[in-house]
Amino acid sequence: MRQQAFMNISAATDTRRDVSHSSSQLDLICRWIDEHNQENISWEDLTRASGLDHRLLVRLFQIHKKTTPMAYIRQSRQTLGV
C-alpha cells in the first residue's frame, strides 16, 4: 500500500518550524513520489501518504523545489523513463 511505504510526516510539519526541517520532509515526499511514479498518483494519494494538506504540499514544493507537486511527478516520470 502507498501509505505503508511512506512515513507519516504530518506531525512534524509546521510552517513555523525551520527551513531545513521542511526541506527534509520534502525529501521524504519526493522519495515517495519517485518510488510510486509508475502509479497514477492523485492529490488524494499525496495528501494521504504525506499527512499534509494540499496547500502545505504546494507551499513546500514552491519554496524548496520551485515547482508544483504535480509538475514534480511529471518530471520524475520523465527522468526515470516512465
PDB file of N, CA and C in Angstrom:
ATOM      1  N   MET A   1       0.827  -1.186   0.000  1.00  0.00           N
ATOM      2  CA  MET A   1       0.000   0.000   0.000  1.00  0.00           C
ATOM      3  C   MET A   1       0.871   1.249   0.000  1.00  0.00           C
ATOM      4  N   ARG A   2       0.349   2.277  -0.592  1.00  0.00           N
ATOM      5  CA  ARG A   2       1.098   3.526  -0.692  1.00  0.00           C
ATOM      6  C   ARG A   2       1.417   4.107   0.675  1.00  0.00           C
ATOM      7  N   GLN A   3       0.457   4.100   1.570  1.00  0.00           N
ATOM      8  CA  GLN A   3       0.672   4.671   2.886  1.00  0.00           C
ATOM      9  C   GLN A   3       1.740   3.923   3.669  1.00  0.00           C
ATOM     10  N   GLN A   4       1.818   2.621   3.493  1.00  0.00           N
ATOM     11  CA  GLN A   4       2.779   1.824   4.227  1.00  0.00           C
ATOM     12  C   GLN A   4       4.206   2.127   3.797  1.00  0.00           C
ATOM     13  N   ALA A   5       4.397   2.556   2.577  1.00  0.00           N
ATOM     14  CA  ALA A   5       5.738   2.800   2.058  1.00  0.00           C
ATOM     15  C   ALA A   5       6.263   4.175   2.432  1.00  0.00           C
ATOM     16  N   PHE A   6       5.456   4.946   3.111  1.00  0.00           N
ATOM     17  CA  PHE A   6       5.824   6.325   3.371  1.00  0.00           C
ATOM     18  C   PHE A   6       5.619   6.668   4.829  1.00  0.00           C
ATOM     19  N   MET A   7       6.557   7.339   5.427  1.00  0.00           N
ATOM     20  CA  MET A   7       6.405   7.768   6.806  1.00  0.00           C
ATOM     21  C   MET A   7       5.361   8.875   6.882  1.00  0.00           C
ATOM     22  N   ASN A   8       4.559   8.842   7.887  1.00  0.00           N
ATOM     23  CA  ASN A   8       3.605   9.923   8.090  1.00  0.00           C
ATOM     24  C   ASN A   8       4.366  11.082   8.722  1.00  0.00           C
ATOM     25  N   ILE A   9       4.442  12.168   7.994  1.00  0.00           N
ATOM     26  CA  ILE A   9       5.238  13.297   8.471  1.00  0.00           C
ATOM     27  C   ILE A   9       4.376  14.478   8.881  1.00  0.00           C
ATOM     28  N   SER A  10       3.091  14.275   8.993  1.00  0.00           N
ATOM     29  CA  SER A  10       2.201  15.383   9.297  1.00  0.00           C
ATOM     30  C   SER A  10       2.510  16.013  10.644  1.00  0.00           C
ATOM     31  N   ALA A  11       2.830  15.218  11.632  1.00  0.00           N
ATOM     32  CA  ALA A  11       3.097  15.766  12.948  1.00  0.00           C
ATOM     33  C   ALA A  11       4.339  16.637  12.944  1.00  0.00           C
ATOM     34  N   ALA A  12       5.247  16.377  12.043  1.00  0.00           N
ATOM     35  CA  ALA A  12       6.493  17.133  12.001  1.00  0.00           C
ATOM     36  C   ALA A  12       6.376  18.410  11.191  1.00  0.00           C
ATOM     37  N   THR A  13       5.309  18.567  10.429  1.00  0.00           N
ATOM     38  CA  THR A  13       5.182  19.727   9.567  1.00  0.00           C
ATOM     39  C   THR A  13       4.462  20.852  10.269  1.00  0.00           C
ATOM     40  N   ASP A  14       5.119  21.980  10.284  1.00  0.00           N
ATOM     41  CA  ASP A  14       4.543  23.177  10.875  1.00  0.00           C
ATOM     42  C   ASP A  14       5.223  24.344  10.188  1.00  0.00           C
ATOM     43  N   THR A  15       4.439  25.270   9.664  1.00  0.00           N
ATOM     44  CA  THR A  15       5.019  26.379   8.919  1.00  0.00           C
ATOM     45  C   THR A  15       5.911  27.252   9.783  1.00  0.00           C
ATOM     46  N   ARG A  16       5.831  27.121  11.095  1.00  0.00           N
ATOM     47  CA  ARG A  16       6.682  27.915  11.983  1.00  0.00           C
ATOM     48  C   ARG A  16       8.026  27.258  12.228  1.00  0.00           C
ATOM     49  N   ARG A  17       8.192  26.034  11.792  1.00  0.00           N
ATOM     50  CA  ARG A  17       9.459  25.324  12.015  1.00  0.00           C
ATOM     51  C   ARG A  17      10.515  25.793  11.019  1.00  0.00           C
ATOM     52  N   ASP A  18      11.755  25.423  11.276  1.00  0.00           N
ATOM     53  CA  ASP A  18      12.848  25.916  10.447  1.00  0.00           C
ATOM     54  C   ASP A  18      12.830  25.322   9.039  1.00  0.00           C
ATOM     55  N   VAL A  19      13.537  26.006   8.153  1.00  0.00           N
ATOM     56  CA  VAL A  19      13.544  25.657   6.733  1.00  0.00           C
ATOM     57  C   VAL A  19      14.195  24.302   6.488  1.00  0.00           C
ATOM     58  N   SER A  20      15.249  23.972   7.199  1.00  0.00           N
ATOM     59  CA  SER A  20      15.922  22.700   6.963  1.00  0.00           C
ATOM     60  C   SER A  20      15.019  21.527   7.307  1.00  0.00           C
ATOM     61  N   HIS A  21      14.208  21.679   8.324  1.00  0.00           N
ATOM     62  CA  HIS A  21      13.266  20.621   8.686  1.00  0.00           C
ATOM     63  C   HIS A  21      12.257  20.415   7.571  1.00  0.00           C
ATOM     64  N   SER A  22      11.718  21.501   7.026  1.00  0.00           N
ATOM     65  CA  SER A  22      10.769  21.401   5.919  1.00  0.00           C
ATOM     66  C   SER A  22      11.418  20.771   4.708  1.00  0.00           C
ATOM     67  N   SER A  23      12.670  21.097   4.482  1.00  0.00           N
ATOM     68  CA  SER A  23      13.389  20.532   3.348  1.00  0.00           C
ATOM     69  C   SER A  23      13.541  19.022   3.496  1.00  0.00           C
ATOM     70  N   SER A  24      13.830  18.543   4.683  1.00  0.00           N
ATOM     71  CA  SER A  24      13.968  17.098   4.881  1.00  0.00           C
ATOM     72  C   SER A  24      12.621  16.397   4.731  1.00  0.00           C
ATOM     73  N   GLN A  25      11.539  17.052   5.137  1.00  0.00           N
ATOM     74  CA  GLN A  25      10.207  16.493   4.931  1.00  0.00           C
ATOM     75  C   GLN A  25       9.905  16.385   3.447  1.00  0.00           C
ATOM     76  N   LEU A  26      10.262  17.411   2.720  1.00  0.00           N
ATOM     77  CA  LEU A  26      10.021  17.399   1.286  1.00  0.00           C
ATOM     78  C   LEU A  26      10.850  16.306   0.614  1.00  0.00           C
ATOM     79  N   ASP A  27      12.045  16.074   1.111  1.00  0.00           N
ATOM     80  CA  ASP A  27      12.860  14.979   0.572  1.00  0.00           C
ATOM     81  C   ASP A  27      12.142  13.641   0.731  1.00  0.00           C
ATOM     82  N   LEU A  28      11.484  13.429   1.860  1.00  0.00           N
ATOM     83  CA  LEU A  28      10.717  12.199   2.073  1.00  0.00           C
ATOM     84  C   LEU A  28       9.555  12.100   1.093  1.00  0.00           C
ATOM     85  N   ILE A  29       8.868  13.199   0.881  1.00  0.00           N
ATOM     86  CA  ILE A  29       7.748  13.222  -0.059  1.00  0.00           C
ATOM     87  C   ILE A  29       8.243  12.915  -1.466  1.00  0.00           C
ATOM     88  N   CYS A  30       9.331  13.551  -1.855  1.00  0.00           N
ATOM     89  CA  CYS A  30       9.888  13.331  -3.194  1.00  0.00           C
ATOM     90  C   CYS A  30      10.348  11.893  -3.368  1.00  0.00           C
ATOM     91  N   ARG A  31      10.937  11.318  -2.352  1.00  0.00           N
ATOM     92  CA  ARG A  31      11.361   9.923  -2.415  1.00  0.00           C
ATOM     93  C   ARG A  31      10.141   9.018  -2.607  1.00  0.00           C
ATOM     94  N   TRP A  32       9.062   9.310  -1.886  1.00  0.00           N
ATOM     95  CA  TRP A  32       7.835   8.529  -2.028  1.00  0.00           C
ATOM     96  C   TRP A  32       7.292   8.648  -3.455  1.00  0.00           C
ATOM     97  N   ILE A  33       7.293   9.861  -3.985  1.00  0.00           N
ATOM     98  CA  ILE A  33       6.831  10.075  -5.366  1.00  0.00           C
ATOM     99  C   ILE A  33       7.692   9.274  -6.330  1.00  0.00           C
ATOM    100  N   ASP A  34       9.003   9.348  -6.174  1.00  0.00           N
ATOM    101  CA  ASP A  34       9.907   8.626  -7.071  1.00  0.00           C
ATOM    102  C   ASP A  34       9.677   7.119  -7.005  1.00  0.00           C
ATOM    103  N   GLU A  35       9.363   6.609  -5.818  1.00  0.00           N
ATOM    104  CA  GLU A  35       9.117   5.180  -5.659  1.00  0.00           C
ATOM    105  C   GLU A  35       7.767   4.749  -6.229  1.00  0.00           C
ATOM    106  N   HIS A  36       6.840   5.690  -6.369  1.00  0.00           N
ATOM    107  CA  HIS A  36       5.492   5.360  -6.829  1.00  0.00           C
ATOM    108  C   HIS A  36       5.146   6.042  -8.154  1.00  0.00           C
ATOM    109  N   ASN A  37       6.142   6.536  -8.866  1.00  0.00           N
ATOM    110  CA  ASN A  37       5.841   7.320 -10.067  1.00  0.00           C
ATOM    111  C   ASN A  37       5.240   6.505 -11.205  1.00  0.00           C
ATOM    112  N   GLN A  38       5.304   5.188 -11.125  1.00  0.00           N
ATOM    113  CA  GLN A  38       4.679   4.365 -12.156  1.00  0.00           C
ATOM    114  C   GLN A  38       3.178   4.213 -11.917  1.00  0.00           C
ATOM    115  N   GLU A  39       2.732   4.650 -10.752  1.00  0.00           N
ATOM    116  CA  GLU A  39       1.317   4.592 -10.405  1.00  0.00           C
ATOM    117  C   GLU A  39       0.647   5.917 -10.774  1.00  0.00           C
ATOM    118  N   ASN A  40      -0.661   5.893 -10.830  1.00  0.00           N
ATOM    119  CA  ASN A  40      -1.417   7.114 -11.068  1.00  0.00           C
ATOM    120  C   ASN A  40      -1.573   7.827  -9.729  1.00  0.00           C
ATOM    121  N   ILE A  41      -0.694   8.783  -9.440  1.00  0.00           N
ATOM    122  CA  ILE A  41      -0.687   9.477  -8.152  1.00  0.00           C
ATOM    123  C   ILE A  41      -1.629  10.680  -8.227  1.00  0.00           C
ATOM    124  N   SER A  42      -2.605  10.699  -7.347  1.00  0.00           N
ATOM    125  CA  SER A  42      -3.566  11.799  -7.286  1.00  0.00           C
ATOM    126  C   SER A  42      -3.245  12.707  -6.101  1.00  0.00           C
ATOM    127  N   TRP A  43      -3.939  13.836  -6.027  1.00  0.00           N
ATOM    128  CA  TRP A  43      -3.792  14.716  -4.874  1.00  0.00           C
ATOM    129  C   TRP A  43      -4.173  13.978  -3.598  1.00  0.00           C
ATOM    130  N   GLU A  44      -5.205  13.173  -3.677  1.00  0.00           N
ATOM    131  CA  GLU A  44      -5.631  12.409  -2.504  1.00  0.00           C
ATOM    132  C   GLU A  44      -4.522  11.465  -2.049  1.00  0.00           C
ATOM    133  N   ASP A  45      -3.859  10.829  -3.001  1.00  0.00           N
ATOM    134  CA  ASP A  45      -2.741   9.944  -2.664  1.00  0.00           C
ATOM    135  C   ASP A  45      -1.624  10.721  -1.963  1.00  0.00           C
ATOM    136  N   LEU A  46      -1.284  11.874  -2.512  1.00  0.00           N
ATOM    137  CA  LEU A  46      -0.216  12.689  -1.921  1.00  0.00           C
ATOM    138  C   LEU A  46      -0.561  13.148  -0.512  1.00  0.00           C
ATOM    139  N   THR A  47      -1.770  13.642  -0.335  1.00  0.00           N
ATOM    140  CA  THR A  47      -2.144  14.139   0.992  1.00  0.00           C
ATOM    141  C   THR A  47      -2.252  12.990   1.991  1.00  0.00           C
ATOM    142  N   ARG A  48      -2.769  11.864   1.564  1.00  0.00           N
ATOM    143  CA  ARG A  48      -2.896  10.714   2.459  1.00  0.00           C
ATOM    144  C   ARG A  48      -1.514  10.169   2.826  1.00  0.00           C
ATOM    145  N   ALA A  49      -0.661  10.005   1.848  1.00  0.00           N
ATOM    146  CA  ALA A  49       0.659   9.436   2.098  1.00  0.00           C
ATOM    147  C   ALA A  49       1.542  10.343   2.945  1.00  0.00           C
ATOM    148  N   SER A  50       1.445  11.632   2.705  1.00  0.00           N
ATOM    149  CA  SER A  50       2.304  12.567   3.431  1.00  0.00           C
ATOM    150  C   SER A  50       1.706  13.028   4.748  1.00  0.00           C
ATOM    151  N   GLY A  51       0.382  12.983   4.850  1.00  0.00           N
ATOM    152  CA  GLY A  51      -0.272  13.507   6.040  1.00  0.00           C
ATOM    153  C   GLY A  51      -0.386  15.018   6.030  1.00  0.00           C
ATOM    154  N   LEU A  52      -0.101  15.626   4.888  1.00  0.00           N
ATOM    155  CA  LEU A  52      -0.149  17.071   4.752  1.00  0.00           C
ATOM    156  C   LEU A  52      -1.345  17.486   3.906  1.00  0.00           C
ATOM    157  N   ASP A  53      -1.804  18.695   4.104  1.00  0.00           N
ATOM    158  CA  ASP A  53      -2.901  19.147   3.255  1.00  0.00           C
ATOM    159  C   ASP A  53      -2.367  19.700   1.938  1.00  0.00           C
ATOM    160  N   HIS A  54      -3.266  19.855   1.012  1.00  0.00           N
ATOM    161  CA  HIS A  54      -2.960  20.292  -0.359  1.00  0.00           C
ATOM    162  C   HIS A  54      -2.158  21.589  -0.367  1.00  0.00           C
ATOM    163  N   ARG A  55      -2.611  22.569   0.374  1.00  0.00           N
ATOM    164  CA  ARG A  55      -1.940  23.887   0.369  1.00  0.00           C
ATOM    165  C   ARG A  55      -0.517  23.819   0.898  1.00  0.00           C
ATOM    166  N   LEU A  56      -0.320  23.057   1.963  1.00  0.00           N
ATOM    167  CA  LEU A  56       1.027  22.958   2.525  1.00  0.00           C
ATOM    168  C   LEU A  56       1.960  22.213   1.582  1.00  0.00           C
ATOM    169  N   LEU A  57       1.464  21.189   0.930  1.00  0.00           N
ATOM    170  CA  LEU A  57       2.280  20.489  -0.068  1.00  0.00           C
ATOM    171  C   LEU A  57       2.718  21.437  -1.175  1.00  0.00           C
ATOM    172  N   VAL A  58       1.776  22.200  -1.701  1.00  0.00           N
ATOM    173  CA  VAL A  58       2.099  23.158  -2.759  1.00  0.00           C
ATOM    174  C   VAL A  58       3.136  24.156  -2.260  1.00  0.00           C
ATOM    175  N   ARG A  59       2.937  24.662  -1.062  1.00  0.00           N
ATOM    176  CA  ARG A  59       3.858  25.663  -0.497  1.00  0.00           C
ATOM    177  C   ARG A  59       5.266  25.079  -0.328  1.00  0.00           C
ATOM    178  N   LEU A  60       5.367  23.879   0.214  1.00  0.00           N
ATOM    179  CA  LEU A  60       6.688  23.258   0.381  1.00  0.00           C
ATOM    180  C   LEU A  60       7.399  23.079  -0.950  1.00  0.00           C
ATOM    181  N   PHE A  61       6.669  22.608  -1.945  1.00  0.00           N
ATOM    182  CA  PHE A  61       7.277  22.435  -3.268  1.00  0.00           C
ATOM    183  C   PHE A  61       7.682  23.783  -3.865  1.00  0.00           C
ATOM    184  N   GLN A  62       6.861  24.809  -3.700  1.00  0.00           N
ATOM    185  CA  GLN A  62       7.208  26.122  -4.237  1.00  0.00           C
ATOM    186  C   GLN A  62       8.474  26.666  -3.597  1.00  0.00           C
ATOM    187  N   ILE A  63       8.565  26.544  -2.288  1.00  0.00           N
ATOM    188  CA  ILE A  63       9.720  27.087  -1.561  1.00  0.00           C
ATOM    189  C   ILE A  63      11.001  26.325  -1.878  1.00  0.00           C
ATOM    190  N   HIS A  64      10.939  25.018  -1.804  1.00  0.00           N
ATOM    191  CA  HIS A  64      12.163  24.215  -1.874  1.00  0.00           C
ATOM    192  C   HIS A  64      12.503  23.669  -3.251  1.00  0.00           C
ATOM    193  N   LYS A  65      11.510  23.444  -4.090  1.00  0.00           N
ATOM    194  CA  LYS A  65      11.766  22.851  -5.403  1.00  0.00           C
ATOM    195  C   LYS A  65      11.457  23.796  -6.558  1.00  0.00           C
ATOM    196  N   LYS A  66      10.839  24.912  -6.257  1.00  0.00           N
ATOM    197  CA  LYS A  66      10.475  25.897  -7.296  1.00  0.00           C
ATOM    198  C   LYS A  66       9.580  25.282  -8.366  1.00  0.00           C
ATOM    199  N   THR A  67       8.690  24.390  -7.935  1.00  0.00           N
ATOM    200  CA  THR A  67       7.755  23.731  -8.840  1.00  0.00           C
ATOM    201  C   THR A  67       6.536  23.310  -8.038  1.00  0.00           C
ATOM    202  N   THR A  68       5.602  22.667  -8.695  1.00  0.00           N
ATOM    203  CA  THR A  68       4.416  22.147  -8.013  1.00  0.00           C
ATOM    204  C   THR A  68       4.573  20.640  -7.808  1.00  0.00           C
ATOM    205  N   PRO A  69       3.796  20.063  -6.914  1.00  0.00           N
ATOM    206  CA  PRO A  69       3.879  18.611  -6.734  1.00  0.00           C
ATOM    207  C   PRO A  69       3.575  17.839  -8.013  1.00  0.00           C
ATOM    208  N   MET A  70       2.554  18.249  -8.745  1.00  0.00           N
ATOM    209  CA  MET A  70       2.199  17.528  -9.967  1.00  0.00           C
ATOM    210  C   MET A  70       3.271  17.681 -11.045  1.00  0.00           C
ATOM    211  N   ALA A  71       3.888  18.839 -11.128  1.00  0.00           N
ATOM    212  CA  ALA A  71       4.991  19.021 -12.078  1.00  0.00           C
ATOM    213  C   ALA A  71       6.179  18.157 -11.661  1.00  0.00           C
ATOM    214  N   TYR A  72       6.406  18.031 -10.361  1.00  0.00           N
ATOM    215  CA  TYR A  72       7.484  17.161  -9.886  1.00  0.00           C
ATOM    216  C   TYR A  72       7.208  15.708 -10.272  1.00  0.00           C
ATOM    217  N   ILE A  73       5.965  15.284 -10.155  1.00  0.00           N
ATOM    218  CA  ILE A  73       5.599  13.915 -10.535  1.00  0.00           C
ATOM    219  C   ILE A  73       5.886  13.696 -12.020  1.00  0.00           C
ATOM    220  N   ARG A  74       5.469  14.637 -12.861  1.00  0.00           N
ATOM    221  CA  ARG A  74       5.729  14.510 -14.305  1.00  0.00           C
ATOM    222  C   ARG A  74       7.235  14.457 -14.578  1.00  0.00           C
ATOM    223  N   GLN A  75       7.980  15.316 -13.912  1.00  0.00           N
ATOM    224  CA  GLN A  75       9.424  15.359 -14.083  1.00  0.00           C
ATOM    225  C   GLN A  75      10.077  14.047 -13.622  1.00  0.00           C
ATOM    226  N   SER A  76       9.595  13.509 -12.524  1.00  0.00           N
ATOM    227  CA  SER A  76      10.107  12.247 -12.020  1.00  0.00           C
ATOM    228  C   SER A  76       9.869  11.125 -13.021  1.00  0.00           C
ATOM    229  N   ARG A  77       8.723  11.120 -13.628  1.00  0.00           N
ATOM    230  CA  ARG A  77       8.402  10.099 -14.631  1.00  0.00           C
ATOM    231  C   ARG A  77       9.310  10.228 -15.849  1.00  0.00           C
ATOM    232  N   GLN A  78       9.548  11.443 -16.283  1.00  0.00           N
ATOM    233  CA  GLN A  78      10.411  11.659 -17.440  1.00  0.00           C
ATOM    234  C   GLN A  78      11.841  11.263 -17.142  1.00  0.00           C
ATOM    235  N   THR A  79      12.320  11.634 -15.963  1.00  0.00           N
ATOM    236  CA  THR A  79      13.686  11.324 -15.572  1.00  0.00           C
ATOM    237  C   THR A  79      13.937   9.830 -15.499  1.00  0.00           C
ATOM    238  N   LEU A  80      12.951   9.110 -14.987  1.00  0.00           N
ATOM    239  CA  LEU A  80      13.120   7.669 -14.828  1.00  0.00           C
ATOM    240  C   LEU A  80      12.587   6.888 -16.027  1.00  0.00           C
ATOM    241  N   GLY A  81      12.128   7.600 -17.045  1.00  0.00           N
ATOM    242  CA  GLY A  81      11.676   6.948 -18.269  1.00  0.00           C
ATOM    243  C   GLY A  81      10.384   6.182 -18.130  1.00  0.00           C
ATOM    244  N   VAL A  82       9.485   6.687 -17.301  1.00  0.00           N
ATOM    245  CA  VAL A  82       8.202   6.012 -17.091  1.00  0.00           C
ATOM    246  C   VAL A  82       7.197   6.506 -18.103  1.00  0.00           C
TER     247      VAL A  82
END
